[in-house]
Amino acid sequence: NDYSREKKLAVLKKLEKDGVVDELLNYNTGQIKGIILHERVVSDEMELMIGVSSVDATPFNETYTESSDFTIFEGTGRAGALIEDIYQYIFRRWRFKMNRDLNCNFSIEVIKSPFDVDYSESKIQVWQSLE
């Protein structure tokens, strides 16, 4: 119940400070370039996976997401505020214009390189799954 955007960004900052983000980016050999945040509910708890798209064997855990049609929203700015703005747009404006239902079982966010949570020119993508 206490999961929040601020806690998610705090985890990213800690991983960045500890050098884990740089290590992850060394394995970023898949089609999606940047840090991927994958959130989903598992056993009534929020699971947050932070990683990269990779075709290499890595020392990190792997996860897969369900197949879906996605609409991708992109913007440039400071990660925390921009992600919030994109979701507000999706759920307060965009979804009322479309004739498709949203699949809210999980979320995918991509923070493009260069990676820095506080960088004012970060390129952010939110991949919204459609039913």
N, C-alpha and C. Protein backbone atom coordinates (compact mmCIF):
# COMPACT_ATOMS: atom_id res chain seq x y z
N ASN A 1 0.80 -1.21 0.00
CA ASN A 1 0.00 0.00 0.00
C ASN A 1 0.84 1.26 0.00
N ASP A 2 2.10 1.17 0.38
CA ASP A 2 2.92 2.37 0.44
C ASP A 2 3.82 2.53 -0.79
N TYR A 3 3.57 1.76 -1.82
CA TYR A 3 4.35 1.88 -3.06
C TYR A 3 4.02 3.20 -3.73
N SER A 4 5.03 3.90 -4.22
CA SER A 4 4.79 5.19 -4.85
C SER A 4 5.85 5.47 -5.91
N ARG A 5 5.57 6.44 -6.74
CA ARG A 5 6.52 6.88 -7.76
C ARG A 5 7.82 7.34 -7.11
N GLU A 6 7.72 8.04 -5.97
CA GLU A 6 8.91 8.53 -5.29
C GLU A 6 9.79 7.38 -4.81
N LYS A 7 9.18 6.32 -4.30
CA LYS A 7 9.96 5.15 -3.85
C LYS A 7 10.62 4.45 -5.04
N LYS A 8 9.90 4.38 -6.16
CA LYS A 8 10.47 3.77 -7.36
C LYS A 8 11.70 4.56 -7.81
N LEU A 9 11.60 5.88 -7.83
CA LEU A 9 12.74 6.71 -8.23
C LEU A 9 13.87 6.63 -7.22
N ALA A 10 13.55 6.47 -5.94
CA ALA A 10 14.60 6.31 -4.92
C ALA A 10 15.38 5.03 -5.15
N VAL A 11 14.68 3.95 -5.53
CA VAL A 11 15.35 2.69 -5.85
C VAL A 11 16.27 2.89 -7.05
N LEU A 12 15.79 3.58 -8.08
CA LEU A 12 16.62 3.85 -9.25
C LEU A 12 17.87 4.65 -8.88
N LYS A 13 17.69 5.67 -8.05
CA LYS A 13 18.84 6.49 -7.63
C LYS A 13 19.85 5.66 -6.87
N LYS A 14 19.38 4.75 -6.01
CA LYS A 14 20.29 3.89 -5.25
C LYS A 14 21.05 2.97 -6.19
N LEU A 15 20.34 2.36 -7.14
CA LEU A 15 21.00 1.48 -8.11
C LEU A 15 22.00 2.25 -8.97
N GLU A 16 21.65 3.48 -9.30
CA GLU A 16 22.55 4.33 -10.08
C GLU A 16 23.80 4.64 -9.27
N LYS A 17 23.62 5.03 -8.02
CA LYS A 17 24.74 5.37 -7.13
C LYS A 17 25.67 4.17 -6.90
N ASP A 18 25.06 2.98 -6.78
CA ASP A 18 25.82 1.76 -6.50
C ASP A 18 26.48 1.17 -7.75
N GLY A 19 26.27 1.78 -8.92
CA GLY A 19 26.89 1.31 -10.16
C GLY A 19 26.14 0.19 -10.85
N VAL A 20 24.99 -0.22 -10.31
CA VAL A 20 24.22 -1.31 -10.91
C VAL A 20 23.63 -0.89 -12.26
N VAL A 21 23.19 0.35 -12.37
CA VAL A 21 22.60 0.82 -13.63
C VAL A 21 23.64 0.77 -14.75
N ASP A 22 24.86 1.22 -14.46
CA ASP A 22 25.92 1.15 -15.47
C ASP A 22 26.21 -0.29 -15.87
N GLU A 23 26.21 -1.20 -14.88
CA GLU A 23 26.45 -2.61 -15.18
C GLU A 23 25.33 -3.16 -16.06
N LEU A 24 24.07 -2.82 -15.72
CA LEU A 24 22.94 -3.27 -16.54
C LEU A 24 23.07 -2.77 -17.98
N LEU A 25 23.44 -1.50 -18.13
CA LEU A 25 23.54 -0.93 -19.47
C LEU A 25 24.59 -1.63 -20.32
N ASN A 26 25.59 -2.26 -19.68
CA ASN A 26 26.57 -3.04 -20.44
C ASN A 26 25.94 -4.23 -21.14
N TYR A 27 24.79 -4.72 -20.64
CA TYR A 27 24.09 -5.85 -21.23
C TYR A 27 22.95 -5.41 -22.16
N ASN A 28 22.83 -4.13 -22.45
CA ASN A 28 21.71 -3.60 -23.24
C ASN A 28 21.92 -3.87 -24.73
N THR A 29 21.77 -5.16 -25.12
CA THR A 29 22.02 -5.57 -26.50
C THR A 29 20.73 -5.94 -27.24
N GLY A 30 19.59 -5.78 -26.61
CA GLY A 30 18.31 -6.10 -27.24
C GLY A 30 17.81 -4.93 -28.09
N GLN A 31 16.58 -5.06 -28.56
CA GLN A 31 16.02 -4.04 -29.45
C GLN A 31 15.67 -2.75 -28.73
N ILE A 32 15.31 -2.82 -27.46
CA ILE A 32 14.91 -1.63 -26.70
C ILE A 32 16.14 -1.07 -26.02
N LYS A 33 16.47 0.17 -26.28
CA LYS A 33 17.66 0.78 -25.70
C LYS A 33 17.28 1.65 -24.51
N GLY A 34 17.89 1.40 -23.37
CA GLY A 34 17.63 2.17 -22.17
C GLY A 34 17.24 1.28 -21.01
N ILE A 35 16.98 1.89 -19.87
CA ILE A 35 16.57 1.19 -18.66
C ILE A 35 15.06 0.93 -18.74
N ILE A 36 14.67 -0.30 -18.47
CA ILE A 36 13.25 -0.68 -18.52
C ILE A 36 12.75 -0.89 -17.10
N LEU A 37 11.62 -0.27 -16.78
CA LEU A 37 10.96 -0.48 -15.50
C LEU A 37 9.68 -1.25 -15.78
N HIS A 38 9.54 -2.40 -15.19
CA HIS A 38 8.38 -3.28 -15.44
C HIS A 38 7.69 -3.50 -14.10
N GLU A 39 6.49 -2.98 -13.96
CA GLU A 39 5.71 -3.11 -12.72
C GLU A 39 4.53 -4.03 -12.96
N ARG A 40 4.28 -4.90 -12.01
CA ARG A 40 3.09 -5.74 -12.09
C ARG A 40 2.73 -6.21 -10.69
N VAL A 41 1.48 -6.58 -10.53
CA VAL A 41 1.00 -7.09 -9.25
C VAL A 41 1.18 -8.60 -9.24
N VAL A 42 1.86 -9.09 -8.21
CA VAL A 42 2.08 -10.53 -8.03
C VAL A 42 1.71 -10.86 -6.59
N SER A 43 0.75 -11.76 -6.41
CA SER A 43 0.30 -12.18 -5.07
C SER A 43 -0.07 -10.97 -4.21
N ASP A 44 -0.84 -10.06 -4.77
CA ASP A 44 -1.32 -8.87 -4.06
C ASP A 44 -0.21 -7.92 -3.63
N GLU A 45 0.97 -8.04 -4.22
CA GLU A 45 2.07 -7.11 -3.94
C GLU A 45 2.60 -6.57 -5.26
N MET A 46 3.15 -5.37 -5.21
CA MET A 46 3.72 -4.76 -6.41
C MET A 46 5.13 -5.29 -6.61
N GLU A 47 5.40 -5.78 -7.81
CA GLU A 47 6.74 -6.22 -8.18
C GLU A 47 7.30 -5.20 -9.16
N LEU A 48 8.50 -4.75 -8.90
CA LEU A 48 9.19 -3.82 -9.79
C LEU A 48 10.47 -4.48 -10.26
N MET A 49 10.57 -4.69 -11.56
CA MET A 49 11.79 -5.21 -12.16
C MET A 49 12.44 -4.05 -12.90
N ILE A 50 13.73 -3.89 -12.69
CA ILE A 50 14.49 -2.84 -13.37
C ILE A 50 15.57 -3.55 -14.16
N GLY A 51 15.63 -3.28 -15.46
CA GLY A 51 16.61 -3.99 -16.26
C GLY A 51 16.76 -3.39 -17.64
N VAL A 52 17.26 -4.21 -18.54
CA VAL A 52 17.47 -3.81 -19.93
C VAL A 52 17.05 -4.95 -20.84
N SER A 53 16.84 -4.63 -22.09
CA SER A 53 16.57 -5.64 -23.10
C SER A 53 17.91 -6.23 -23.53
N SER A 54 18.02 -7.56 -23.46
CA SER A 54 19.31 -8.18 -23.75
C SER A 54 19.12 -9.53 -24.41
N VAL A 55 20.04 -9.85 -25.32
CA VAL A 55 20.07 -11.18 -25.91
C VAL A 55 21.24 -11.98 -25.34
N ASP A 56 21.98 -11.39 -24.42
CA ASP A 56 23.14 -12.03 -23.80
C ASP A 56 22.75 -12.74 -22.51
N ALA A 57 23.54 -13.74 -22.14
CA ALA A 57 23.40 -14.34 -20.82
C ALA A 57 23.95 -13.33 -19.82
N THR A 58 23.20 -13.10 -18.75
CA THR A 58 23.62 -12.11 -17.75
C THR A 58 23.54 -12.72 -16.36
N PRO A 59 24.18 -12.09 -15.38
CA PRO A 59 24.08 -12.59 -14.00
C PRO A 59 22.78 -12.14 -13.32
N PHE A 60 21.93 -11.42 -14.02
CA PHE A 60 20.70 -10.89 -13.44
C PHE A 60 19.52 -11.81 -13.73
N ASN A 61 18.45 -11.66 -12.95
CA ASN A 61 17.22 -12.41 -13.20
C ASN A 61 16.59 -11.94 -14.49
N GLU A 62 15.85 -12.84 -15.13
CA GLU A 62 15.12 -12.49 -16.35
C GLU A 62 13.64 -12.44 -16.05
N THR A 63 12.93 -11.60 -16.78
CA THR A 63 11.48 -11.57 -16.70
C THR A 63 10.93 -11.32 -18.09
N TYR A 64 9.73 -11.75 -18.29
CA TYR A 64 9.04 -11.56 -19.56
C TYR A 64 7.70 -10.92 -19.26
N THR A 65 7.18 -10.21 -20.21
CA THR A 65 5.86 -9.61 -20.04
C THR A 65 4.91 -10.27 -21.02
N GLU A 66 3.64 -10.19 -20.71
CA GLU A 66 2.66 -10.78 -21.60
C GLU A 66 2.64 -10.05 -22.93
N SER A 67 2.30 -10.78 -23.98
CA SER A 67 2.20 -10.18 -25.31
C SER A 67 1.00 -9.24 -25.33
N SER A 68 1.12 -8.19 -26.10
CA SER A 68 0.05 -7.22 -26.16
C SER A 68 0.28 -6.28 -27.32
N ASP A 69 -0.77 -5.55 -27.66
CA ASP A 69 -0.63 -4.38 -28.51
C ASP A 69 -0.33 -3.22 -27.57
N PHE A 70 0.62 -2.40 -27.94
CA PHE A 70 1.00 -1.27 -27.11
C PHE A 70 0.85 0.03 -27.87
N THR A 71 0.52 1.07 -27.16
CA THR A 71 0.65 2.43 -27.66
C THR A 71 1.78 3.05 -26.86
N ILE A 72 2.71 3.67 -27.54
CA ILE A 72 3.90 4.21 -26.87
C ILE A 72 3.79 5.72 -26.80
N PHE A 73 3.95 6.24 -25.59
CA PHE A 73 3.94 7.68 -25.34
C PHE A 73 5.36 8.08 -24.98
N GLU A 74 5.83 9.19 -25.53
CA GLU A 74 7.21 9.59 -25.31
C GLU A 74 7.28 11.06 -24.98
N GLY A 75 8.24 11.41 -24.15
CA GLY A 75 8.47 12.80 -23.80
C GLY A 75 9.90 13.00 -23.34
N THR A 76 10.27 14.26 -23.15
CA THR A 76 11.61 14.61 -22.68
C THR A 76 11.47 15.49 -21.46
N GLY A 77 12.23 15.17 -20.41
CA GLY A 77 12.21 15.95 -19.19
C GLY A 77 12.78 15.17 -18.03
N ARG A 78 12.59 15.68 -16.82
CA ARG A 78 13.04 15.02 -15.59
C ARG A 78 12.16 13.79 -15.37
N ALA A 79 12.76 12.62 -15.16
CA ALA A 79 12.05 11.33 -15.16
C ALA A 79 10.82 11.30 -14.27
N GLY A 80 10.95 11.65 -13.01
CA GLY A 80 9.83 11.53 -12.07
C GLY A 80 8.61 12.32 -12.49
N ALA A 81 8.79 13.56 -12.80
CA ALA A 81 7.66 14.42 -13.18
C ALA A 81 7.11 14.03 -14.54
N LEU A 82 7.98 13.71 -15.47
CA LEU A 82 7.53 13.39 -16.83
C LEU A 82 6.70 12.10 -16.86
N ILE A 83 7.14 11.07 -16.14
CA ILE A 83 6.38 9.82 -16.10
C ILE A 83 4.99 10.07 -15.55
N GLU A 84 4.91 10.86 -14.49
CA GLU A 84 3.61 11.20 -13.91
C GLU A 84 2.74 11.95 -14.91
N ASP A 85 3.32 12.91 -15.63
CA ASP A 85 2.57 13.67 -16.63
C ASP A 85 2.04 12.76 -17.75
N ILE A 86 2.86 11.81 -18.19
CA ILE A 86 2.43 10.91 -19.26
C ILE A 86 1.25 10.06 -18.80
N TYR A 87 1.34 9.50 -17.57
CA TYR A 87 0.21 8.69 -17.08
C TYR A 87 -1.05 9.53 -16.90
N GLN A 88 -0.90 10.76 -16.45
CA GLN A 88 -2.08 11.61 -16.33
C GLN A 88 -2.72 11.84 -17.69
N TYR A 89 -1.91 12.05 -18.70
CA TYR A 89 -2.44 12.23 -20.05
C TYR A 89 -3.16 10.96 -20.51
N ILE A 90 -2.54 9.79 -20.32
CA ILE A 90 -3.14 8.52 -20.76
C ILE A 90 -4.50 8.31 -20.11
N PHE A 91 -4.56 8.45 -18.77
CA PHE A 91 -5.77 8.08 -18.05
C PHE A 91 -6.81 9.19 -17.95
N ARG A 92 -6.41 10.43 -18.17
CA ARG A 92 -7.38 11.52 -18.07
C ARG A 92 -7.85 12.07 -19.41
N ARG A 93 -7.07 11.81 -20.47
CA ARG A 93 -7.46 12.37 -21.77
C ARG A 93 -7.46 11.33 -22.88
N TRP A 94 -6.33 10.69 -23.09
CA TRP A 94 -6.15 9.82 -24.26
C TRP A 94 -7.16 8.68 -24.28
N ARG A 95 -7.36 8.00 -23.15
CA ARG A 95 -8.23 6.82 -23.14
C ARG A 95 -9.67 7.15 -23.50
N PHE A 96 -10.11 8.38 -23.30
CA PHE A 96 -11.48 8.75 -23.64
C PHE A 96 -11.64 9.00 -25.13
N LYS A 97 -10.54 9.18 -25.84
CA LYS A 97 -10.58 9.39 -27.29
C LYS A 97 -10.57 8.07 -28.07
N MET A 98 -10.11 6.99 -27.41
CA MET A 98 -9.89 5.72 -28.10
C MET A 98 -11.06 4.77 -27.87
N ASN A 99 -11.22 3.84 -28.79
CA ASN A 99 -12.27 2.83 -28.68
C ASN A 99 -11.73 1.50 -28.18
N ARG A 100 -10.59 1.51 -27.51
CA ARG A 100 -9.97 0.29 -26.99
C ARG A 100 -9.83 0.41 -25.48
N ASP A 101 -9.96 -0.72 -24.81
CA ASP A 101 -9.76 -0.75 -23.36
C ASP A 101 -8.27 -0.87 -23.05
N LEU A 102 -7.88 -0.33 -21.92
CA LEU A 102 -6.50 -0.41 -21.48
C LEU A 102 -6.31 -1.65 -20.62
N ASN A 103 -5.17 -2.30 -20.76
CA ASN A 103 -4.79 -3.41 -19.90
C ASN A 103 -3.89 -2.83 -18.81
N CYS A 104 -4.39 -2.77 -17.60
CA CYS A 104 -3.64 -2.14 -16.51
C CYS A 104 -3.04 -3.18 -15.56
N ASN A 105 -2.85 -4.42 -16.04
CA ASN A 105 -2.24 -5.46 -15.22
C ASN A 105 -0.76 -5.23 -14.97
N PHE A 106 -0.14 -4.43 -15.82
CA PHE A 106 1.29 -4.16 -15.69
C PHE A 106 1.59 -2.84 -16.38
N SER A 107 2.78 -2.31 -16.12
CA SER A 107 3.21 -1.10 -16.82
C SER A 107 4.66 -1.27 -17.24
N ILE A 108 5.00 -0.62 -18.33
CA ILE A 108 6.37 -0.64 -18.82
C ILE A 108 6.78 0.80 -19.09
N GLU A 109 7.92 1.17 -18.52
CA GLU A 109 8.50 2.49 -18.75
C GLU A 109 9.93 2.29 -19.21
N VAL A 110 10.36 3.09 -20.16
CA VAL A 110 11.73 3.01 -20.66
C VAL A 110 12.37 4.38 -20.48
N ILE A 111 13.50 4.40 -19.78
CA ILE A 111 14.29 5.62 -19.62
C ILE A 111 15.48 5.48 -20.56
N LYS A 112 15.52 6.35 -21.54
CA LYS A 112 16.56 6.27 -22.56
C LYS A 112 17.89 6.79 -22.01
N SER A 113 18.98 6.31 -22.57
CA SER A 113 20.32 6.77 -22.20
C SER A 113 20.54 8.16 -22.79
N PRO A 114 21.36 9.03 -22.21
CA PRO A 114 22.16 8.80 -21.01
C PRO A 114 21.27 8.73 -19.78
N PHE A 115 21.58 7.83 -18.88
CA PHE A 115 20.72 7.60 -17.74
C PHE A 115 21.15 8.43 -16.55
N ASP A 116 20.20 9.17 -16.02
CA ASP A 116 20.36 9.92 -14.77
C ASP A 116 18.94 10.30 -14.36
N VAL A 117 18.51 9.82 -13.21
CA VAL A 117 17.13 10.05 -12.77
C VAL A 117 16.79 11.53 -12.72
N ASP A 118 17.75 12.38 -12.38
CA ASP A 118 17.49 13.81 -12.23
C ASP A 118 17.81 14.63 -13.47
N TYR A 119 18.25 14.00 -14.54
CA TYR A 119 18.62 14.70 -15.76
C TYR A 119 17.38 15.36 -16.36
N SER A 120 17.46 16.63 -16.65
CA SER A 120 16.28 17.37 -17.12
C SER A 120 15.92 17.08 -18.57
N GLU A 121 16.77 16.38 -19.30
CA GLU A 121 16.50 16.08 -20.70
C GLU A 121 16.41 14.58 -20.96
N SER A 122 15.98 13.80 -19.97
CA SER A 122 15.81 12.36 -20.16
C SER A 122 14.70 12.10 -21.17
N LYS A 123 14.90 11.12 -22.01
CA LYS A 123 13.84 10.69 -22.93
C LYS A 123 13.14 9.51 -22.27
N ILE A 124 11.83 9.65 -22.09
CA ILE A 124 11.03 8.65 -21.39
C ILE A 124 9.97 8.10 -22.32
N GLN A 125 9.77 6.78 -22.27
CA GLN A 125 8.66 6.16 -22.97
C GLN A 125 7.81 5.42 -21.96
N VAL A 126 6.50 5.52 -22.11
CA VAL A 126 5.56 4.69 -21.36
C VAL A 126 4.85 3.84 -22.40
N TRP A 127 4.93 2.53 -22.23
CA TRP A 127 4.27 1.59 -23.11
C TRP A 127 2.96 1.19 -22.47
N GLN A 128 1.85 1.64 -23.03
CA GLN A 128 0.54 1.32 -22.49
C GLN A 128 -0.04 0.15 -23.25
N SER A 129 -0.35 -0.92 -22.52
CA SER A 129 -0.91 -2.12 -23.10
C SER A 129 -2.40 -1.93 -23.38
N LEU A 130 -2.85 -2.45 -24.53
CA LEU A 130 -4.25 -2.35 -24.93
C LEU A 130 -4.90 -3.73 -24.88
N GLU A 131 -6.19 -3.77 -24.55
CA GLU A 131 -6.95 -5.03 -24.54
C GLU A 131 -7.31 -5.40 -25.95
